Each structure stands twice: as structure tokens, then as C-alpha cells.
Amino acid sequence: MDVAQWLRNLNLGEYEALFRDNHIDGSVLSALTNEDLKDLGIASVGHRHKLLEAIVALRPKSGPQHPAADQVAPTAERRQLTCNQN
């Protein structure tokens, strides 16, 4: 995968050198988390969310999920409720 082109398609080409300098290629892109993006120096919350959403879209629909998926769309906890009928 051409990460530079992917970034340009997201209108985030300003991060091309940053990704290249940190050896982020297609093999590690899908494992990036919000913390990783912060560590890279991407200060913009909006840009981090845009990147995380695009990363999640790259992943196959089935298979293991990476931490970034939880940071983009939190899931609600489901609990069984019972009704006491006294």
C-alpha cells in the first residue's frame, strides 16, 4: 500500500514525511492507535480521528480488531435486566 497516496487522498498529505520518517508503511498502518498518532506528533484531534476512521476502514470486516477501532466508535455495555414481579 502506498501510504503517501493514502494520506493525500485523505487531504492529510502534510503527514507524508512524518509517516515516512517513522517507517509507517502498509504493514503497520492498520495497527496504529490514537496514542501512536499522538506520539508521532499529530496534535490535531480532528486529524487523529480522521486517520483512525480511515485506518478502521482499511481493515477486513472479519478478523481481530485493533485498539484503534475502540477509540473511534465506543461500544455500549449490554446487561441482562430482570423484572421482579411481586
N, C-alpha and C. Protein backbone atom coordinates (compact mmCIF):
# COMPACT_ATOMS: atom_id res chain seq x y z
N MET A 1 0.85 -1.19 0.00
CA MET A 1 0.00 0.00 0.00
C MET A 1 0.89 1.24 0.00
N ASP A 2 0.49 2.22 -0.77
CA ASP A 2 1.20 3.49 -0.84
C ASP A 2 0.60 4.43 0.22
N VAL A 3 1.27 4.51 1.36
CA VAL A 3 0.77 5.31 2.48
C VAL A 3 0.74 6.79 2.13
N ALA A 4 1.72 7.26 1.38
CA ALA A 4 1.75 8.67 0.98
C ALA A 4 0.51 9.02 0.15
N GLN A 5 0.16 8.18 -0.79
CA GLN A 5 -1.03 8.42 -1.62
C GLN A 5 -2.29 8.35 -0.76
N TRP A 6 -2.33 7.39 0.15
CA TRP A 6 -3.46 7.24 1.06
C TRP A 6 -3.66 8.52 1.87
N LEU A 7 -2.57 9.08 2.39
CA LEU A 7 -2.65 10.34 3.15
C LEU A 7 -3.13 11.48 2.26
N ARG A 8 -2.62 11.55 1.04
CA ARG A 8 -3.06 12.61 0.11
C ARG A 8 -4.55 12.48 -0.19
N ASN A 9 -5.03 11.25 -0.35
CA ASN A 9 -6.46 11.04 -0.61
C ASN A 9 -7.33 11.50 0.56
N LEU A 10 -6.76 11.48 1.76
CA LEU A 10 -7.48 11.95 2.95
C LEU A 10 -7.30 13.46 3.16
N ASN A 11 -6.61 14.11 2.23
CA ASN A 11 -6.25 15.54 2.37
C ASN A 11 -5.39 15.77 3.60
N LEU A 12 -4.54 14.78 3.91
CA LEU A 12 -3.62 14.89 5.04
C LEU A 12 -2.19 14.64 4.58
N GLY A 13 -1.90 15.07 3.37
CA GLY A 13 -0.58 14.88 2.80
C GLY A 13 0.54 15.54 3.60
N GLU A 14 0.18 16.47 4.45
CA GLU A 14 1.19 17.14 5.28
C GLU A 14 1.91 16.17 6.21
N TYR A 15 1.34 14.97 6.40
CA TYR A 15 1.95 13.99 7.29
C TYR A 15 2.79 12.94 6.56
N GLU A 16 2.95 13.09 5.25
CA GLU A 16 3.71 12.11 4.47
C GLU A 16 5.12 11.91 5.03
N ALA A 17 5.85 13.00 5.22
CA ALA A 17 7.23 12.90 5.71
C ALA A 17 7.26 12.29 7.11
N LEU A 18 6.31 12.65 7.94
CA LEU A 18 6.24 12.13 9.30
C LEU A 18 6.07 10.61 9.29
N PHE A 19 5.16 10.12 8.46
CA PHE A 19 4.93 8.67 8.36
C PHE A 19 6.16 7.99 7.77
N ARG A 20 6.74 8.58 6.73
CA ARG A 20 7.94 8.01 6.10
C ARG A 20 9.10 7.96 7.08
N ASP A 21 9.34 9.06 7.80
CA ASP A 21 10.47 9.14 8.74
C ASP A 21 10.32 8.16 9.90
N ASN A 22 9.08 7.77 10.19
CA ASN A 22 8.82 6.83 11.28
C ASN A 22 8.54 5.42 10.78
N HIS A 23 8.86 5.18 9.51
CA HIS A 23 8.78 3.84 8.90
C HIS A 23 7.38 3.24 9.00
N ILE A 24 6.37 4.08 8.80
CA ILE A 24 4.99 3.60 8.82
C ILE A 24 4.61 3.28 7.38
N ASP A 25 4.44 2.00 7.14
CA ASP A 25 4.03 1.54 5.82
C ASP A 25 2.74 0.75 5.95
N GLY A 26 2.30 0.17 4.87
CA GLY A 26 1.04 -0.56 4.87
C GLY A 26 1.00 -1.72 5.86
N SER A 27 2.16 -2.27 6.21
CA SER A 27 2.18 -3.42 7.11
C SER A 27 1.92 -3.04 8.57
N VAL A 28 2.15 -1.79 8.94
CA VAL A 28 1.91 -1.37 10.32
C VAL A 28 0.78 -0.35 10.46
N LEU A 29 0.34 0.18 9.34
CA LEU A 29 -0.67 1.23 9.36
C LEU A 29 -1.93 0.81 10.12
N SER A 30 -2.41 -0.40 9.89
CA SER A 30 -3.68 -0.83 10.50
C SER A 30 -3.57 -1.06 12.00
N ALA A 31 -2.36 -1.07 12.54
CA ALA A 31 -2.18 -1.28 13.98
C ALA A 31 -2.02 0.03 14.75
N LEU A 32 -2.00 1.16 14.06
CA LEU A 32 -1.82 2.44 14.75
C LEU A 32 -3.00 2.77 15.65
N THR A 33 -2.69 3.35 16.79
CA THR A 33 -3.70 3.76 17.76
C THR A 33 -3.66 5.28 17.91
N ASN A 34 -4.62 5.81 18.64
CA ASN A 34 -4.64 7.23 18.95
C ASN A 34 -3.35 7.63 19.66
N GLU A 35 -2.89 6.81 20.59
CA GLU A 35 -1.65 7.10 21.31
C GLU A 35 -0.46 7.15 20.36
N ASP A 36 -0.42 6.22 19.40
CA ASP A 36 0.66 6.22 18.41
C ASP A 36 0.66 7.53 17.63
N LEU A 37 -0.52 7.98 17.22
CA LEU A 37 -0.62 9.21 16.46
C LEU A 37 -0.18 10.41 17.30
N LYS A 38 -0.53 10.40 18.58
CA LYS A 38 -0.05 11.46 19.48
C LYS A 38 1.47 11.42 19.58
N ASP A 39 2.03 10.20 19.75
CA ASP A 39 3.48 10.05 19.85
C ASP A 39 4.19 10.53 18.59
N LEU A 40 3.54 10.40 17.45
CA LEU A 40 4.10 10.88 16.19
C LEU A 40 4.11 12.41 16.13
N GLY A 41 3.30 13.03 16.97
CA GLY A 41 3.24 14.49 16.99
C GLY A 41 2.05 15.07 16.25
N ILE A 42 1.06 14.24 15.96
CA ILE A 42 -0.15 14.74 15.30
C ILE A 42 -1.03 15.34 16.40
N ALA A 43 -0.96 16.65 16.53
CA ALA A 43 -1.62 17.35 17.62
C ALA A 43 -3.12 17.54 17.39
N SER A 44 -3.51 17.63 16.15
CA SER A 44 -4.91 17.90 15.82
C SER A 44 -5.80 16.70 16.15
N VAL A 45 -6.74 16.91 17.06
CA VAL A 45 -7.68 15.84 17.41
C VAL A 45 -8.50 15.44 16.19
N GLY A 46 -8.91 16.41 15.41
CA GLY A 46 -9.69 16.12 14.21
C GLY A 46 -8.92 15.27 13.21
N HIS A 47 -7.64 15.58 13.03
CA HIS A 47 -6.83 14.79 12.11
C HIS A 47 -6.62 13.38 12.64
N ARG A 48 -6.42 13.25 13.96
CA ARG A 48 -6.26 11.90 14.53
C ARG A 48 -7.52 11.08 14.32
N HIS A 49 -8.69 11.67 14.54
CA HIS A 49 -9.95 10.95 14.34
C HIS A 49 -10.13 10.57 12.87
N LYS A 50 -9.81 11.49 11.98
CA LYS A 50 -9.94 11.21 10.55
C LYS A 50 -9.02 10.05 10.16
N LEU A 51 -7.79 10.06 10.67
CA LEU A 51 -6.85 8.98 10.38
C LEU A 51 -7.34 7.65 10.97
N LEU A 52 -7.81 7.67 12.20
CA LEU A 52 -8.28 6.43 12.84
C LEU A 52 -9.48 5.85 12.11
N GLU A 53 -10.40 6.69 11.69
CA GLU A 53 -11.56 6.20 10.94
C GLU A 53 -11.13 5.59 9.62
N ALA A 54 -10.17 6.22 8.95
CA ALA A 54 -9.68 5.69 7.68
C ALA A 54 -8.91 4.38 7.89
N ILE A 55 -8.19 4.28 9.01
CA ILE A 55 -7.47 3.05 9.33
C ILE A 55 -8.45 1.91 9.58
N VAL A 56 -9.50 2.18 10.33
CA VAL A 56 -10.52 1.16 10.59
C VAL A 56 -11.14 0.70 9.28
N ALA A 57 -11.37 1.62 8.34
CA ALA A 57 -11.98 1.26 7.06
C ALA A 57 -11.07 0.36 6.23
N LEU A 58 -9.77 0.40 6.47
CA LEU A 58 -8.82 -0.45 5.74
C LEU A 58 -8.87 -1.90 6.19
N ARG A 59 -9.30 -2.12 7.41
CA ARG A 59 -9.28 -3.46 7.98
C ARG A 59 -10.36 -4.33 7.38
N PRO A 60 -10.07 -5.63 7.27
CA PRO A 60 -11.11 -6.55 6.82
C PRO A 60 -12.27 -6.55 7.81
N LYS A 61 -13.47 -6.78 7.30
CA LYS A 61 -14.66 -6.77 8.16
C LYS A 61 -14.63 -7.88 9.19
N SER A 62 -14.02 -9.02 8.88
CA SER A 62 -13.91 -10.11 9.84
C SER A 62 -12.46 -10.19 10.30
N GLY A 63 -12.25 -10.79 11.44
CA GLY A 63 -10.91 -10.93 11.96
C GLY A 63 -10.73 -10.09 13.21
N PRO A 64 -9.53 -10.13 13.77
CA PRO A 64 -9.28 -9.43 15.02
C PRO A 64 -9.32 -7.92 14.85
N GLN A 65 -9.80 -7.26 15.83
CA GLN A 65 -9.84 -5.80 15.84
C GLN A 65 -8.64 -5.27 16.61
N HIS A 66 -8.16 -4.13 16.20
CA HIS A 66 -7.06 -3.48 16.89
C HIS A 66 -7.61 -2.39 17.79
N PRO A 67 -6.81 -1.91 18.75
CA PRO A 67 -7.29 -0.90 19.71
C PRO A 67 -7.87 0.36 19.08
N ALA A 68 -7.40 0.75 17.92
CA ALA A 68 -7.89 1.99 17.31
C ALA A 68 -9.39 1.92 17.03
N ALA A 69 -9.90 0.75 16.75
CA ALA A 69 -11.32 0.60 16.45
C ALA A 69 -12.17 1.03 17.64
N ASP A 70 -11.73 0.70 18.84
CA ASP A 70 -12.48 1.08 20.04
C ASP A 70 -12.41 2.58 20.29
N GLN A 71 -11.35 3.23 19.85
CA GLN A 71 -11.19 4.64 20.10
C GLN A 71 -11.99 5.49 19.12
N VAL A 72 -12.38 4.91 18.01
CA VAL A 72 -13.17 5.65 17.02
C VAL A 72 -14.65 5.59 17.37
N ALA A 73 -15.14 4.41 17.65
CA ALA A 73 -16.56 4.23 17.93
C ALA A 73 -16.74 3.38 19.18
N PRO A 74 -16.85 4.01 20.34
CA PRO A 74 -17.01 3.24 21.57
C PRO A 74 -18.29 2.41 21.52
N THR A 75 -18.23 1.26 22.14
CA THR A 75 -19.39 0.38 22.17
C THR A 75 -20.05 0.44 23.54
N ALA A 76 -21.33 0.26 23.55
CA ALA A 76 -22.08 0.28 24.80
C ALA A 76 -22.01 -1.09 25.47
N GLU A 77 -22.05 -1.07 26.77
CA GLU A 77 -22.08 -2.33 27.51
C GLU A 77 -23.52 -2.84 27.56
N ARG A 78 -23.68 -4.13 27.30
CA ARG A 78 -25.02 -4.72 27.35
C ARG A 78 -25.16 -5.51 28.63
N ARG A 79 -26.29 -5.35 29.31
CA ARG A 79 -26.54 -6.07 30.55
C ARG A 79 -27.93 -6.69 30.50
N GLN A 80 -28.02 -7.86 31.08
CA GLN A 80 -29.30 -8.55 31.19
C GLN A 80 -30.09 -7.92 32.32
N LEU A 81 -31.32 -7.53 32.06
CA LEU A 81 -32.19 -6.97 33.10
C LEU A 81 -33.30 -7.96 33.40
N THR A 82 -33.61 -8.09 34.67
CA THR A 82 -34.72 -8.95 35.06
C THR A 82 -35.75 -8.10 35.78
N CYS A 83 -36.94 -8.55 35.74
CA CYS A 83 -38.03 -7.82 36.37
C CYS A 83 -38.58 -8.65 37.51
N ASN A 84 -38.64 -8.09 38.70
CA ASN A 84 -39.18 -8.78 39.87
C ASN A 84 -40.69 -8.53 39.89
N GLN A 85 -41.48 -9.58 39.77
CA GLN A 85 -42.92 -9.42 39.67
C GLN A 85 -43.62 -9.86 40.96
N ASN A 86 -43.37 -9.19 42.03
CA ASN A 86 -44.02 -9.47 43.32
C ASN A 86 -45.13 -8.52 43.59
